[in-house]
Amino acid sequence: MKTPTSKFIIAFALLIPLCASLYLGWRVLEKSGQDEVIEDYYKRLFDSSQKEDASCPPATTCENDQLDAGYQTLVSDLEGEVAAKEVTIEKFKEMLSINVVDEILFDTGRAIITPRGKIVLAKVGGVIGKMTDKHIYIVGHTDDVPIQTFRYPSNWELSCARAAAVIRYLLDTDNLDPAMFSAVGRSSYQPVSENDTPEGRARNRRVEIVIANFSKF
């Protein structure tokens, strides 16, 4: 004959697998939700489908008006660099993307801003300083040629260090809010050209400055 205590123990033992299953199911759903947020963030930040269609009506919101004004200013101020294909500026639905080839900003294998790079960044910083409620992502990119030095064991460290150097320079020279910025290192894993020619590798070695309406995840 089973006592009340033994019945309680048996019932409790039967509940343990059920509770564990429910908990694991909840964790899977929670993780799935996190993955969707991260995927959406990178899609919005890097997906070229976000490029603004010229046939769309002009933006009327304050946020997009600021992006439009910033785009026009940068195209004018960096006209020489754009003509020389050293800087590319693109306007998207929710962001501006400014790509600067690394030879303007850095010497080979280094993450110290060059004098010429400071001139370009000063113009970008002037535009950022006129914007409100924006989020600035500085993304470092390399080619696929390995680097292995004491300071930079791989291209991951180099791309991150270059992104951080750009942020540090902008904060040191402009009255900008540090909370606006995020540094991202992409190493060689988001190329814009083939890596099998010197010209292609040069285009892949760049820093992208993203001025966006949307925040980080």
C-alpha atoms as a PDB file:
ATOM      1  CA  MET A   1       0.000   0.000   0.000  1.00  0.00           C
ATOM      2  CA  LYS A   2       1.390   3.369  -1.015  1.00  0.00           C
ATOM      3  CA  THR A   3       1.590   6.076   1.630  1.00  0.00           C
ATOM      4  CA  PRO A   4       0.677   9.738   0.879  1.00  0.00           C
ATOM      5  CA  THR A   5       4.378  10.561   0.979  1.00  0.00           C
ATOM      6  CA  SER A   6       5.275   7.956  -1.643  1.00  0.00           C
ATOM      7  CA  LYS A   7       2.411   9.120  -3.882  1.00  0.00           C
ATOM      8  CA  PHE A   8       3.715  12.681  -3.661  1.00  0.00           C
ATOM      9  CA  ILE A   9       7.238  11.562  -4.581  1.00  0.00           C
ATOM     10  CA  ILE A  10       5.958   9.622  -7.603  1.00  0.00           C
ATOM     11  CA  ALA A  11       3.840  12.568  -8.799  1.00  0.00           C
ATOM     12  CA  PHE A  12       6.767  14.952  -8.365  1.00  0.00           C
ATOM     13  CA  ALA A  13       9.037  12.614 -10.331  1.00  0.00           C
ATOM     14  CA  LEU A  14       6.536  12.509 -13.186  1.00  0.00           C
ATOM     15  CA  LEU A  15       6.362  16.293 -13.294  1.00  0.00           C
ATOM     16  CA  ILE A  16      10.125  16.763 -13.659  1.00  0.00           C
ATOM     17  CA  PRO A  17      10.317  15.641 -17.354  1.00  0.00           C
ATOM     18  CA  LEU A  18       7.245  17.716 -18.203  1.00  0.00           C
ATOM     19  CA  CYS A  19       8.695  20.849 -16.623  1.00  0.00           C
ATOM     20  CA  ALA A  20      12.040  20.229 -18.306  1.00  0.00           C
ATOM     21  CA  SER A  21      10.348  19.873 -21.701  1.00  0.00           C
ATOM     22  CA  LEU A  22       8.388  23.076 -21.216  1.00  0.00           C
ATOM     23  CA  TYR A  23      11.532  24.947 -20.163  1.00  0.00           C
ATOM     24  CA  LEU A  24      13.551  23.678 -23.128  1.00  0.00           C
ATOM     25  CA  GLY A  25      10.716  24.568 -25.494  1.00  0.00           C
ATOM     26  CA  TRP A  26      10.607  28.089 -24.094  1.00  0.00           C
ATOM     27  CA  ARG A  27      14.374  28.446 -24.451  1.00  0.00           C
ATOM     28  CA  VAL A  28      14.213  27.326 -28.089  1.00  0.00           C
ATOM     29  CA  LEU A  29      11.506  29.881 -28.824  1.00  0.00           C
ATOM     30  CA  GLU A  30      13.455  32.583 -26.986  1.00  0.00           C
ATOM     31  CA  LYS A  31      16.660  31.743 -28.881  1.00  0.00           C
ATOM     32  CA  SER A  32      14.739  31.736 -32.159  1.00  0.00           C
ATOM     33  CA  GLY A  33      13.455  35.213 -31.357  1.00  0.00           C
ATOM     34  CA  GLN A  34      16.982  36.430 -30.597  1.00  0.00           C
ATOM     35  CA  ASP A  35      18.260  35.013 -33.874  1.00  0.00           C
ATOM     36  CA  GLU A  36      15.512  36.812 -35.778  1.00  0.00           C
ATOM     37  CA  VAL A  37      16.470  40.111 -34.150  1.00  0.00           C
ATOM     38  CA  ILE A  38      20.158  39.643 -34.996  1.00  0.00           C
ATOM     39  CA  GLU A  39      19.358  38.530 -38.550  1.00  0.00           C
ATOM     40  CA  ASP A  40      17.103  41.530 -39.078  1.00  0.00           C
ATOM     41  CA  TYR A  41      19.796  43.874 -37.764  1.00  0.00           C
ATOM     42  CA  TYR A  42      22.433  42.617 -40.177  1.00  0.00           C
ATOM     43  CA  LYS A  43      19.961  42.570 -43.044  1.00  0.00           C
ATOM     44  CA  ARG A  44      19.093  46.201 -42.429  1.00  0.00           C
ATOM     45  CA  LEU A  45      22.720  47.204 -41.989  1.00  0.00           C
ATOM     46  CA  PHE A  46      24.363  45.327 -44.849  1.00  0.00           C
ATOM     47  CA  ASP A  47      21.700  44.216 -47.340  1.00  0.00           C
ATOM     48  CA  SER A  48      21.972  46.119 -50.622  1.00  0.00           C
ATOM     49  CA  SER A  49      18.215  45.733 -51.110  1.00  0.00           C
ATOM     50  CA  GLN A  50      17.887  48.639 -48.701  1.00  0.00           C
ATOM     51  CA  LYS A  51      19.179  50.993 -51.402  1.00  0.00           C
ATOM     52  CA  GLU A  52      16.718  53.769 -52.079  1.00  0.00           C
ATOM     53  CA  ASP A  53      14.801  53.575 -55.330  1.00  0.00           C
ATOM     54  CA  ALA A  54      15.072  56.845 -57.256  1.00  0.00           C
ATOM     55  CA  SER A  55      11.463  56.404 -58.402  1.00  0.00           C
ATOM     56  CA  CYS A  56      10.165  56.547 -54.828  1.00  0.00           C
ATOM     57  CA  PRO A  57       8.625  59.823 -53.635  1.00  0.00           C
ATOM     58  CA  PRO A  58      11.007  62.069 -51.660  1.00  0.00           C
ATOM     59  CA  ALA A  59      11.272  61.528 -47.914  1.00  0.00           C
ATOM     60  CA  THR A  60       9.125  63.779 -45.779  1.00  0.00           C
ATOM     61  CA  THR A  61      10.089  62.697 -42.250  1.00  0.00           C
ATOM     62  CA  CYS A  62      12.609  64.665 -40.213  1.00  0.00           C
ATOM     63  CA  GLU A  63      14.890  61.616 -39.979  1.00  0.00           C
ATOM     64  CA  ASN A  64      15.116  61.075 -43.715  1.00  0.00           C
ATOM     65  CA  ASP A  65      15.383  64.815 -44.382  1.00  0.00           C
ATOM     66  CA  GLN A  66      18.572  64.766 -42.292  1.00  0.00           C
ATOM     67  CA  LEU A  67      19.922  61.813 -44.277  1.00  0.00           C
ATOM     68  CA  ASP A  68      19.111  63.576 -47.548  1.00  0.00           C
ATOM     69  CA  ALA A  69      20.864  66.770 -46.431  1.00  0.00           C
ATOM     70  CA  GLY A  70      23.865  64.799 -45.177  1.00  0.00           C
ATOM     71  CA  TYR A  71      24.125  62.925 -48.445  1.00  0.00           C
ATOM     72  CA  GLN A  72      24.139  66.126 -50.496  1.00  0.00           C
ATOM     73  CA  THR A  73      26.751  67.722 -48.239  1.00  0.00           C
ATOM     74  CA  LEU A  74      29.077  64.711 -48.383  1.00  0.00           C
ATOM     75  CA  VAL A  75      28.777  64.369 -52.168  1.00  0.00           C
ATOM     76  CA  SER A  76      29.758  68.028 -52.488  1.00  0.00           C
ATOM     77  CA  ASP A  77      32.521  68.059 -49.850  1.00  0.00           C
ATOM     78  CA  LEU A  78      34.110  64.788 -51.008  1.00  0.00           C
ATOM     79  CA  GLU A  79      33.692  65.398 -54.734  1.00  0.00           C
ATOM     80  CA  GLY A  80      37.392  64.881 -55.484  1.00  0.00           C
ATOM     81  CA  GLU A  81      37.653  61.638 -53.524  1.00  0.00           C
ATOM     82  CA  VAL A  82      34.448  60.305 -55.110  1.00  0.00           C
ATOM     83  CA  ALA A  83      35.730  61.152 -58.603  1.00  0.00           C
ATOM     84  CA  ALA A  84      38.982  59.311 -57.834  1.00  0.00           C
ATOM     85  CA  LYS A  85      36.979  56.293 -56.578  1.00  0.00           C
ATOM     86  CA  GLU A  86      38.613  56.624 -53.174  1.00  0.00           C
ATOM     87  CA  VAL A  87      35.273  57.276 -51.484  1.00  0.00           C
ATOM     88  CA  THR A  88      31.815  55.985 -52.371  1.00  0.00           C
ATOM     89  CA  ILE A  89      28.650  57.459 -50.878  1.00  0.00           C
ATOM     90  CA  GLU A  90      25.289  55.709 -51.126  1.00  0.00           C
ATOM     91  CA  LYS A  91      21.889  56.719 -49.815  1.00  0.00           C
ATOM     92  CA  PHE A  92      19.556  53.986 -48.626  1.00  0.00           C
ATOM     93  CA  LYS A  93      16.033  53.992 -47.273  1.00  0.00           C
ATOM     94  CA  GLU A  94      17.144  54.246 -43.653  1.00  0.00           C
ATOM     95  CA  MET A  95      20.827  55.078 -43.817  1.00  0.00           C
ATOM     96  CA  LEU A  96      23.823  56.607 -45.534  1.00  0.00           C
ATOM     97  CA  SER A  97      26.870  54.484 -46.298  1.00  0.00           C
ATOM     98  CA  ILE A  98      30.291  56.098 -46.803  1.00  0.00           C
ATOM     99  CA  ASN A  99      33.057  53.712 -47.893  1.00  0.00           C
ATOM    100  CA  VAL A 100      36.627  55.006 -47.650  1.00  0.00           C
ATOM    101  CA  VAL A 101      39.471  52.919 -49.099  1.00  0.00           C
ATOM    102  CA  ASP A 102      42.092  52.049 -46.520  1.00  0.00           C
ATOM    103  CA  GLU A 103      44.999  53.750 -48.313  1.00  0.00           C
ATOM    104  CA  ILE A 104      43.434  57.127 -47.496  1.00  0.00           C
ATOM    105  CA  LEU A 105      42.946  56.341 -43.819  1.00  0.00           C
ATOM    106  CA  PHE A 106      45.825  54.020 -42.890  1.00  0.00           C
ATOM    107  CA  ASP A 107      49.277  52.867 -43.824  1.00  0.00           C
ATOM    108  CA  THR A 108      49.610  49.157 -44.637  1.00  0.00           C
ATOM    109  CA  GLY A 109      49.005  46.915 -41.631  1.00  0.00           C
ATOM    110  CA  ARG A 110      48.386  49.832 -39.274  1.00  0.00           C
ATOM    111  CA  ALA A 111      45.425  51.436 -37.518  1.00  0.00           C
ATOM    112  CA  ILE A 112      46.705  54.993 -37.092  1.00  0.00           C
ATOM    113  CA  ILE A 113      44.783  57.640 -39.034  1.00  0.00           C
ATOM    114  CA  THR A 114      46.874  59.328 -41.739  1.00  0.00           C
ATOM    115  CA  PRO A 115      46.896  63.131 -42.215  1.00  0.00           C
ATOM    116  CA  ARG A 116      44.846  62.765 -45.377  1.00  0.00           C
ATOM    117  CA  GLY A 117      42.428  60.470 -43.594  1.00  0.00           C
ATOM    118  CA  LYS A 118      41.890  63.089 -40.929  1.00  0.00           C
ATOM    119  CA  ILE A 119      40.793  65.587 -43.599  1.00  0.00           C
ATOM    120  CA  VAL A 120      38.182  63.159 -44.936  1.00  0.00           C
ATOM    121  CA  LEU A 121      36.945  62.201 -41.471  1.00  0.00           C
ATOM    122  CA  ALA A 122      36.631  65.868 -40.469  1.00  0.00           C
ATOM    123  CA  LYS A 123      34.125  66.337 -43.293  1.00  0.00           C
ATOM    124  CA  VAL A 124      32.183  63.237 -42.247  1.00  0.00           C
ATOM    125  CA  GLY A 125      32.234  64.328 -38.605  1.00  0.00           C
ATOM    126  CA  GLY A 126      30.835  67.718 -39.575  1.00  0.00           C
ATOM    127  CA  VAL A 127      27.830  66.016 -41.176  1.00  0.00           C
ATOM    128  CA  ILE A 128      27.285  63.666 -38.224  1.00  0.00           C
ATOM    129  CA  GLY A 129      27.385  66.620 -35.843  1.00  0.00           C
ATOM    130  CA  LYS A 130      24.331  68.138 -37.559  1.00  0.00           C
ATOM    131  CA  MET A 131      22.219  65.019 -37.136  1.00  0.00           C
ATOM    132  CA  THR A 132      20.038  63.952 -34.228  1.00  0.00           C
ATOM    133  CA  ASP A 133      18.793  60.550 -33.094  1.00  0.00           C
ATOM    134  CA  LYS A 134      21.105  58.696 -35.455  1.00  0.00           C
ATOM    135  CA  HIS A 135      23.206  55.597 -34.861  1.00  0.00           C
ATOM    136  CA  ILE A 136      26.693  55.474 -36.341  1.00  0.00           C
ATOM    137  CA  TYR A 137      28.267  52.151 -37.248  1.00  0.00           C
ATOM    138  CA  ILE A 138      31.954  52.128 -38.177  1.00  0.00           C
ATOM    139  CA  VAL A 139      32.742  48.889 -40.011  1.00  0.00           C
ATOM    140  CA  GLY A 140      36.304  47.789 -40.745  1.00  0.00           C
ATOM    141  CA  HIS A 141      36.971  45.553 -43.770  1.00  0.00           C
ATOM    142  CA  THR A 142      40.135  43.870 -45.082  1.00  0.00           C
ATOM    143  CA  ASP A 143      41.086  41.803 -48.099  1.00  0.00           C
ATOM    144  CA  ASP A 144      41.734  38.064 -47.723  1.00  0.00           C
ATOM    145  CA  VAL A 145      45.535  38.313 -47.488  1.00  0.00           C
ATOM    146  CA  PRO A 146      46.428  36.998 -44.017  1.00  0.00           C
ATOM    147  CA  ILE A 147      48.161  39.227 -41.507  1.00  0.00           C
ATOM    148  CA  GLN A 148      50.002  37.913 -38.476  1.00  0.00           C
ATOM    149  CA  THR A 149      51.827  40.430 -36.331  1.00  0.00           C
ATOM    150  CA  PHE A 150      52.247  40.840 -32.599  1.00  0.00           C
ATOM    151  CA  ARG A 151      49.597  43.575 -32.539  1.00  0.00           C
ATOM    152  CA  TYR A 152      47.272  42.035 -35.133  1.00  0.00           C
ATOM    153  CA  PRO A 153      47.310  38.220 -35.146  1.00  0.00           C
ATOM    154  CA  SER A 154      44.664  38.173 -37.907  1.00  0.00           C
ATOM    155  CA  ASN A 155      42.503  40.418 -40.056  1.00  0.00           C
ATOM    156  CA  TRP A 156      39.803  40.277 -37.381  1.00  0.00           C
ATOM    157  CA  GLU A 157      41.941  42.287 -34.987  1.00  0.00           C
ATOM    158  CA  LEU A 158      43.069  44.694 -37.706  1.00  0.00           C
ATOM    159  CA  SER A 159      39.537  45.415 -38.969  1.00  0.00           C
ATOM    160  CA  CYS A 160      38.257  45.975 -35.422  1.00  0.00           C
ATOM    161  CA  ALA A 161      41.204  48.209 -34.529  1.00  0.00           C
ATOM    162  CA  ARG A 162      40.663  50.364 -37.607  1.00  0.00           C
ATOM    163  CA  ALA A 163      36.962  50.773 -36.835  1.00  0.00           C
ATOM    164  CA  ALA A 164      37.808  51.791 -33.269  1.00  0.00           C
ATOM    165  CA  ALA A 165      40.493  54.222 -34.483  1.00  0.00           C
ATOM    166  CA  VAL A 166      37.979  56.025 -36.698  1.00  0.00           C
ATOM    167  CA  ILE A 167      35.513  56.327 -33.824  1.00  0.00           C
ATOM    168  CA  ARG A 168      38.203  57.588 -31.472  1.00  0.00           C
ATOM    169  CA  TYR A 169      39.308  60.236 -33.953  1.00  0.00           C
ATOM    170  CA  LEU A 170      35.746  61.449 -34.562  1.00  0.00           C
ATOM    171  CA  LEU A 171      35.080  61.675 -30.823  1.00  0.00           C
ATOM    172  CA  ASP A 172      38.374  63.475 -30.165  1.00  0.00           C
ATOM    173  CA  THR A 173      37.833  66.114 -32.857  1.00  0.00           C
ATOM    174  CA  ASP A 174      34.050  66.629 -32.898  1.00  0.00           C
ATOM    175  CA  ASN A 175      31.520  67.233 -30.152  1.00  0.00           C
ATOM    176  CA  LEU A 176      29.730  63.935 -30.724  1.00  0.00           C
ATOM    177  CA  ASP A 177      27.888  61.616 -28.350  1.00  0.00           C
ATOM    178  CA  PRO A 178      29.880  58.372 -27.845  1.00  0.00           C
ATOM    179  CA  ALA A 179      26.604  56.484 -27.287  1.00  0.00           C
ATOM    180  CA  MET A 180      25.789  57.003 -30.989  1.00  0.00           C
ATOM    181  CA  PHE A 181      28.676  54.784 -32.116  1.00  0.00           C
ATOM    182  CA  SER A 182      29.290  51.080 -32.592  1.00  0.00           C
ATOM    183  CA  ALA A 183      32.539  49.560 -33.893  1.00  0.00           C
ATOM    184  CA  VAL A 184      32.258  46.476 -36.103  1.00  0.00           C
ATOM    185  CA  GLY A 185      35.095  44.381 -37.534  1.00  0.00           C
ATOM    186  CA  ARG A 186      34.197  42.217 -40.554  1.00  0.00           C
ATOM    187  CA  SER A 187      37.698  41.016 -41.498  1.00  0.00           C
ATOM    188  CA  SER A 188      37.588  39.843 -45.152  1.00  0.00           C
ATOM    189  CA  TYR A 189      34.101  38.373 -45.012  1.00  0.00           C
ATOM    190  CA  GLN A 190      32.090  41.113 -46.709  1.00  0.00           C
ATOM    191  CA  PRO A 191      34.020  41.849 -49.916  1.00  0.00           C
ATOM    192  CA  VAL A 192      32.720  44.260 -52.537  1.00  0.00           C
ATOM    193  CA  SER A 193      35.075  42.908 -55.214  1.00  0.00           C
ATOM    194  CA  GLU A 194      37.097  39.830 -56.086  1.00  0.00           C
ATOM    195  CA  ASN A 195      40.303  39.249 -54.141  1.00  0.00           C
ATOM    196  CA  ASP A 196      42.218  37.793 -57.083  1.00  0.00           C
ATOM    197  CA  THR A 197      43.538  41.140 -58.400  1.00  0.00           C
ATOM    198  CA  PRO A 198      45.380  44.017 -56.706  1.00  0.00           C
ATOM    199  CA  GLU A 199      42.590  46.392 -57.723  1.00  0.00           C
ATOM    200  CA  GLY A 200      39.918  44.157 -56.240  1.00  0.00           C
ATOM    201  CA  ARG A 201      41.801  43.706 -52.976  1.00  0.00           C
ATOM    202  CA  ALA A 202      42.266  47.483 -52.748  1.00  0.00           C
ATOM    203  CA  ARG A 203      38.501  48.005 -53.014  1.00  0.00           C
ATOM    204  CA  ASN A 204      37.882  45.428 -50.291  1.00  0.00           C
ATOM    205  CA  ARG A 205      40.266  47.142 -47.861  1.00  0.00           C
ATOM    206  CA  ARG A 206      38.006  49.888 -46.606  1.00  0.00           C
ATOM    207  CA  VAL A 207      36.186  51.436 -43.687  1.00  0.00           C
ATOM    208  CA  GLU A 208      32.447  51.862 -43.989  1.00  0.00           C
ATOM    209  CA  ILE A 209      30.731  54.632 -42.034  1.00  0.00           C
ATOM    210  CA  VAL A 210      27.006  53.959 -41.706  1.00  0.00           C
ATOM    211  CA  ILE A 211      24.680  56.731 -40.504  1.00  0.00           C
ATOM    212  CA  ALA A 212      21.410  54.991 -39.706  1.00  0.00           C
ATOM    213  CA  ASN A 213      17.943  55.719 -38.393  1.00  0.00           C
ATOM    214  CA  PHE A 214      17.753  52.355 -36.648  1.00  0.00           C
ATOM    215  CA  SER A 215      19.539  51.325 -33.471  1.00  0.00           C
ATOM    216  CA  LYS A 216      21.715  48.332 -32.707  1.00  0.00           C
ATOM    217  CA  PHE A 217      20.047  45.144 -31.479  1.00  0.00           C
END
